[in-house]
């Protein structure tokens, strides 16, 4: 059986940039985020031995969420120029090792990931799908076949989240994360949910009543104070629900499953690029991995 890995490129690059010390090429170009992304990717390859591996990225254009709410992510600080310059380098590096990546104008990387996960989940050939990310929003994708691998300390180590681990971390199962965020909101993305309803109350309500839609259709059954808050902030809750929901049907005509198993760790172009970057340690790891990891479904050294 095959194993499919998809990496949330923007989330991992951001995580690596802020977790690792400054690292520059001989020409003075910042490169620590790319180093961290590739380092984590190698860790995943070494640990899970995937047959298929791909990445997803955000685009520069506004998404449909920005049209739903002008306040969505409006409070976020401008991305450091030293990180912005590494986005193109990250894509260049992936191409050099024959990794494919996907992005779609008008959507976030989360939506691209959700769509690919949905497509691959329907394929019997895959025994497991793993999403590598630092973004808890993607926990809503977890299922019996899908898990998340999230960095726990910088990008040096990580933890795998299945359904039970998601419940332990969030207080609710994956299918109710959107309902949870519709109630409590999300300060990082700048939507309010229902003011006055915090995490404990939201978890309790979900355990007792289930989804937000059920709560709204049986609002008379809710505690009086919750009735008042949910009635007053009904539109905010519904908007928050839409903003939190990962789209799973993004048009991706360019996605082809066979493109995702063409990655090639001993590709000379990739090794040469690493040498340009000064990635001595990573170059050694790549060469070692290329010698030791042989997928059952590939007729070449990875």
Protein backbone atom coordinates (compact mmCIF):
# COMPACT_ATOMS: atom_id res chain seq x y z
CA UNK A 1 0.00 0.00 0.00
CA UNK A 2 1.14 3.55 -0.71
CA UNK A 3 1.57 6.43 1.72
CA UNK A 4 0.85 10.02 0.64
CA UNK A 5 2.47 13.05 2.30
CA UNK A 6 1.49 16.67 1.70
CA UNK A 7 3.40 19.54 3.31
CA UNK A 8 1.83 22.91 4.14
CA UNK A 9 4.64 24.92 2.56
CA UNK A 10 3.83 28.37 3.94
CA UNK A 11 3.19 27.14 7.47
CA UNK A 12 6.42 25.17 7.62
CA UNK A 13 8.47 27.99 6.09
CA UNK A 14 7.07 30.46 8.65
CA UNK A 15 7.75 28.01 11.46
CA UNK A 16 11.31 27.36 10.32
CA UNK A 17 12.09 31.04 9.78
CA UNK A 18 11.14 31.95 13.35
CA UNK A 19 12.52 28.79 14.97
CA UNK A 20 15.97 28.64 13.40
CA UNK A 21 18.86 31.10 13.79
CA UNK A 22 19.72 33.31 10.82
CA UNK A 23 21.42 31.40 8.04
CA UNK A 24 22.76 32.96 4.85
CA UNK A 25 24.43 31.81 1.66
CA UNK A 26 27.91 32.93 0.70
CA UNK A 27 26.25 35.77 -1.20
CA UNK A 28 24.44 36.94 1.95
CA UNK A 29 21.02 35.62 0.95
CA UNK A 30 18.79 34.51 3.88
CA UNK A 31 18.05 30.80 3.58
CA UNK A 32 17.15 29.46 7.06
CA UNK A 33 13.44 28.87 6.26
CA UNK A 34 14.30 26.77 3.22
CA UNK A 35 16.79 24.83 5.33
CA UNK A 36 14.13 24.13 7.94
CA UNK A 37 11.49 23.08 5.40
CA UNK A 38 13.83 20.61 3.72
CA UNK A 39 15.12 19.34 7.05
CA UNK A 40 11.59 18.53 8.20
CA UNK A 41 10.76 16.96 4.85
CA UNK A 42 13.76 14.66 5.18
CA UNK A 43 12.68 13.74 8.70
CA UNK A 44 9.24 12.80 7.38
CA UNK A 45 10.73 10.79 4.52
CA UNK A 46 13.08 8.95 6.88
CA UNK A 47 10.33 8.22 9.41
CA UNK A 48 7.30 7.44 7.22
CA UNK A 49 8.91 6.33 3.93
CA UNK A 50 6.19 7.78 1.68
CA UNK A 51 5.66 6.75 -1.90
CA UNK A 52 4.02 10.06 -2.85
CA UNK A 53 5.09 13.49 -1.60
CA UNK A 54 3.88 16.97 -2.50
CA UNK A 55 3.57 20.53 -1.17
CA UNK A 56 0.93 23.26 -1.13
CA UNK A 57 1.44 27.03 -0.97
CA UNK A 58 -0.57 30.20 -0.54
CA UNK A 59 -0.61 32.74 -3.35
CA UNK A 60 -0.19 36.51 -3.07
CA UNK A 61 -3.75 37.25 -4.22
CA UNK A 62 -6.66 37.79 -1.80
CA UNK A 63 -8.83 34.74 -1.19
CA UNK A 64 -12.59 34.27 -1.06
CA UNK A 65 -12.36 34.69 2.73
CA UNK A 66 -11.15 38.26 2.28
CA UNK A 67 -14.29 38.91 0.26
CA UNK A 68 -16.48 37.41 2.99
CA UNK A 69 -14.83 39.56 5.65
CA UNK A 70 -12.62 42.61 5.16
CA UNK A 71 -11.35 42.03 8.70
CA UNK A 72 -10.13 38.51 7.96
CA UNK A 73 -6.39 38.35 8.83
CA UNK A 74 -6.30 42.16 8.59
CA UNK A 75 -4.36 42.45 11.84
CA UNK A 76 -1.48 40.26 10.74
CA UNK A 77 1.92 41.95 10.60
CA UNK A 78 3.68 42.28 7.27
CA UNK A 79 5.90 39.29 6.56
CA UNK A 80 9.63 39.92 7.03
CA UNK A 81 11.39 40.61 3.74
CA UNK A 82 14.03 38.01 4.64
CA UNK A 83 11.26 35.39 4.69
CA UNK A 84 9.44 36.65 1.60
CA UNK A 85 12.61 36.23 -0.44
CA UNK A 86 12.74 32.56 0.51
CA UNK A 87 9.34 31.60 -0.91
CA UNK A 88 10.69 31.54 -4.46
CA UNK A 89 13.84 29.75 -3.32
CA UNK A 90 11.68 27.10 -1.63
CA UNK A 91 9.80 26.41 -4.85
CA UNK A 92 13.08 26.33 -6.78
CA UNK A 93 14.49 23.79 -4.34
CA UNK A 94 11.45 21.53 -4.61
CA UNK A 95 11.63 21.63 -8.40
CA UNK A 96 15.31 20.72 -8.27
CA UNK A 97 14.42 17.49 -6.46
CA UNK A 98 11.36 16.81 -8.65
CA UNK A 99 8.89 17.48 -5.85
CA UNK A 100 5.64 18.85 -7.20
CA UNK A 101 3.68 21.61 -5.48
CA UNK A 102 0.23 23.13 -5.91
CA UNK A 103 -1.37 26.51 -5.31
CA UNK A 104 -4.56 28.21 -6.44
CA UNK A 105 -5.37 31.89 -6.72
CA UNK A 106 -8.36 32.82 -4.56
CA UNK A 107 -7.74 30.01 -2.09
CA UNK A 108 -5.40 29.31 0.79
CA UNK A 109 -2.93 26.44 0.96
CA UNK A 110 -5.33 24.89 3.51
CA UNK A 111 -8.00 24.62 0.82
CA UNK A 112 -5.58 23.11 -1.68
CA UNK A 113 -4.52 20.59 0.96
CA UNK A 114 -8.14 19.83 1.85
CA UNK A 115 -8.95 19.20 -1.80
CA UNK A 116 -5.96 16.94 -2.42
CA UNK A 117 -6.64 15.02 0.78
CA UNK A 118 -10.24 14.51 -0.31
CA UNK A 119 -9.16 13.22 -3.73
CA UNK A 120 -6.51 10.87 -2.38
CA UNK A 121 -8.74 9.59 0.44
CA UNK A 122 -11.02 8.05 -2.18
CA UNK A 123 -8.15 6.04 -3.67
CA UNK A 124 -7.92 2.52 -2.29
CA UNK A 125 -4.22 2.35 -3.17
CA UNK A 126 -3.30 4.61 -0.25
CA UNK A 127 -3.15 3.23 3.26
CA UNK A 128 -2.39 6.58 4.90
CA UNK A 129 -2.31 10.30 4.19
CA UNK A 130 -0.18 12.57 6.37
CA UNK A 131 -0.37 16.38 6.33
CA UNK A 132 2.74 18.14 7.69
CA UNK A 133 1.87 21.56 9.08
CA UNK A 134 2.13 23.89 12.02
CA UNK A 135 -1.46 25.08 11.51
CA UNK A 136 -4.08 23.62 13.86
CA UNK A 137 -6.86 24.63 11.45
CA UNK A 138 -5.95 21.57 9.38
CA UNK A 139 -6.88 19.24 12.23
CA UNK A 140 -10.42 19.31 10.81
CA UNK A 141 -9.11 17.09 7.98
CA UNK A 142 -8.10 14.27 10.33
CA UNK A 143 -9.94 10.99 9.80
CA UNK A 144 -9.30 7.26 10.12
CA UNK A 145 -7.09 7.55 7.02
CA UNK A 146 -5.70 11.08 7.47
CA UNK A 147 -3.37 12.30 10.22
CA UNK A 148 -1.40 15.48 10.88
CA UNK A 149 2.29 15.69 11.64
CA UNK A 150 2.92 18.89 13.58
CA UNK A 151 6.28 20.30 14.73
CA UNK A 152 6.57 20.20 18.51
CA UNK A 153 9.93 21.96 18.95
CA UNK A 154 10.98 24.20 16.07
CA UNK A 155 11.23 21.84 13.11
CA UNK A 156 13.50 19.27 14.77
CA UNK A 157 10.73 17.00 16.02
CA UNK A 158 7.01 16.52 15.65
CA UNK A 159 3.90 14.78 16.87
CA UNK A 160 1.40 12.82 14.85
CA UNK A 161 -2.28 13.62 15.41
CA UNK A 162 -5.06 11.16 14.69
CA UNK A 163 -8.67 11.46 15.80
CA UNK A 164 -8.02 10.78 19.48
CA UNK A 165 -4.98 13.07 19.64
CA UNK A 166 -7.07 15.81 18.02
CA UNK A 167 -9.80 15.34 20.63
CA UNK A 168 -7.18 15.49 23.40
CA UNK A 169 -5.68 18.72 22.02
CA UNK A 170 -8.81 20.57 20.95
CA UNK A 171 -11.48 19.10 23.19
CA UNK A 172 -13.58 17.99 20.20
CA UNK A 173 -13.20 15.52 17.36
CA UNK A 174 -12.06 16.75 13.91
CA UNK A 175 -15.58 16.96 12.48
CA UNK A 176 -16.55 19.53 15.14
CA UNK A 177 -13.51 21.83 14.96
CA UNK A 178 -15.37 24.19 12.61
CA UNK A 179 -18.30 24.33 15.07
CA UNK A 180 -15.85 25.03 17.89
CA UNK A 181 -14.23 27.90 15.98
CA UNK A 182 -17.62 29.26 14.94
CA UNK A 183 -18.38 29.69 18.65
CA UNK A 184 -15.02 30.84 20.07
CA UNK A 185 -13.63 32.59 16.99
CA UNK A 186 -9.96 32.79 16.07
CA UNK A 187 -7.86 35.84 17.04
CA UNK A 188 -5.04 34.80 14.71
CA UNK A 189 -7.38 35.04 11.71
CA UNK A 190 -9.36 37.91 13.22
CA UNK A 191 -12.90 36.57 13.41
CA UNK A 192 -14.95 36.78 16.59
CA UNK A 193 -17.27 33.79 16.78
CA UNK A 194 -19.78 34.43 19.57
CA UNK A 195 -18.48 36.96 22.13
CA UNK A 196 -18.91 35.60 25.63
CA UNK A 197 -18.59 31.94 24.65
CA UNK A 198 -15.16 30.60 25.52
CA UNK A 199 -13.46 27.26 24.87
CA UNK A 200 -14.93 25.40 27.88
CA UNK A 201 -18.49 26.47 27.09
CA UNK A 202 -18.05 25.71 23.39
CA UNK A 203 -16.72 22.20 24.09
CA UNK A 204 -19.56 21.53 26.51
CA UNK A 205 -22.17 22.70 24.00
CA UNK A 206 -20.69 20.58 21.22
CA UNK A 207 -20.60 17.50 23.43
CA UNK A 208 -24.25 17.99 24.37
CA UNK A 209 -25.82 19.38 21.20
CA UNK A 210 -23.36 18.61 18.37
CA UNK A 211 -23.00 21.05 15.50
CA UNK A 212 -23.65 24.78 15.34
CA UNK A 213 -26.48 24.12 12.87
CA UNK A 214 -28.17 21.86 15.42
CA UNK A 215 -27.76 24.49 18.12
CA UNK A 216 -29.33 27.16 15.91
CA UNK A 217 -32.26 24.96 14.86
CA UNK A 218 -32.95 23.96 18.49
CA UNK A 219 -31.94 27.20 20.16
CA UNK A 220 -34.75 26.97 22.70
CA UNK A 221 -33.01 23.90 24.16
CA UNK A 222 -29.82 25.79 24.94
CA UNK A 223 -29.08 27.38 28.32
CA UNK A 224 -30.72 30.79 28.57
CA UNK A 225 -27.49 32.81 28.58
CA UNK A 226 -26.21 30.89 25.57
CA UNK A 227 -29.53 31.47 23.79
CA UNK A 228 -29.14 35.19 24.27
CA UNK A 229 -25.54 35.30 23.06
CA UNK A 230 -26.15 33.05 20.07
CA UNK A 231 -29.27 34.95 19.07
CA UNK A 232 -27.49 38.29 19.30
CA UNK A 233 -24.39 37.08 17.46
CA UNK A 234 -25.95 34.56 15.09
CA UNK A 235 -24.50 36.17 11.95
CA UNK A 236 -21.04 36.35 13.49
CA UNK A 237 -21.20 32.64 14.31
CA UNK A 238 -22.30 31.72 10.79
CA UNK A 239 -19.62 33.93 9.23
CA UNK A 240 -16.97 32.44 11.52
CA UNK A 241 -18.14 28.97 10.49
CA UNK A 242 -17.63 29.83 6.81
CA UNK A 243 -14.22 31.38 7.42
CA UNK A 244 -13.06 28.38 9.44
CA UNK A 245 -14.25 25.73 6.99
CA UNK A 246 -11.55 24.33 4.71
CA UNK A 247 -12.73 24.06 1.11
CA UNK A 248 -12.39 20.52 -0.24
CA UNK A 249 -13.32 21.01 -3.89
CA UNK A 250 -10.86 23.62 -5.20
CA UNK A 251 -10.53 23.31 -8.99
CA UNK A 252 -7.14 21.63 -9.46
CA UNK A 253 -7.06 20.27 -13.00
CA UNK A 254 -3.26 20.26 -12.83
CA UNK A 255 -3.23 17.72 -9.96
CA UNK A 256 -2.12 14.29 -11.13
CA UNK A 257 -1.35 11.61 -8.62
CA UNK A 258 1.54 10.17 -10.68
CA UNK A 259 3.35 13.53 -10.50
CA UNK A 260 3.57 13.12 -6.74
CA UNK A 261 5.88 10.09 -6.81
CA UNK A 262 8.55 11.48 -9.11
CA UNK A 263 10.57 13.07 -6.33
CA UNK A 264 14.22 12.18 -6.58
CA UNK A 265 16.56 12.84 -3.64
CA UNK A 266 19.78 12.12 -5.49
CA UNK A 267 18.89 14.45 -8.35
CA UNK A 268 22.15 16.28 -9.31
CA UNK A 269 20.31 19.60 -9.71
CA UNK A 270 19.12 19.44 -6.12
CA UNK A 271 22.51 18.51 -4.72
CA UNK A 272 24.13 21.33 -6.71
CA UNK A 273 21.61 23.83 -5.34
CA UNK A 274 22.34 22.65 -1.78
CA UNK A 275 26.02 23.21 -2.36
CA UNK A 276 25.24 26.74 -3.60
CA UNK A 277 23.25 27.37 -0.42
CA UNK A 278 26.01 25.95 1.76
CA UNK A 279 23.79 23.15 3.10
CA UNK A 280 26.64 20.78 3.98
CA UNK A 281 24.71 18.86 6.63
CA UNK A 282 21.58 18.58 4.51
CA UNK A 283 23.62 17.52 1.49
CA UNK A 284 25.03 14.63 3.50
CA UNK A 285 21.55 13.70 4.78
CA UNK A 286 20.09 13.78 1.28
CA UNK A 287 22.82 11.55 -0.09
CA UNK A 288 22.43 9.10 2.79
CA UNK A 289 18.66 9.02 2.41
CA UNK A 290 19.01 8.47 -1.33
CA UNK A 291 21.12 5.39 -0.62
CA UNK A 292 19.01 3.92 2.18
CA UNK A 293 15.38 4.64 1.27
CA UNK A 294 13.96 2.49 -1.49
CA UNK A 295 10.22 2.57 -2.01
CA UNK A 296 8.47 -0.64 -3.03
CA UNK A 297 6.57 1.29 -5.67
CA UNK A 298 9.57 3.01 -7.26
CA UNK A 299 12.23 1.50 -9.47
CA UNK A 300 14.92 3.98 -8.57
CA UNK A 301 16.76 5.17 -5.49
CA UNK A 302 14.97 8.13 -3.91
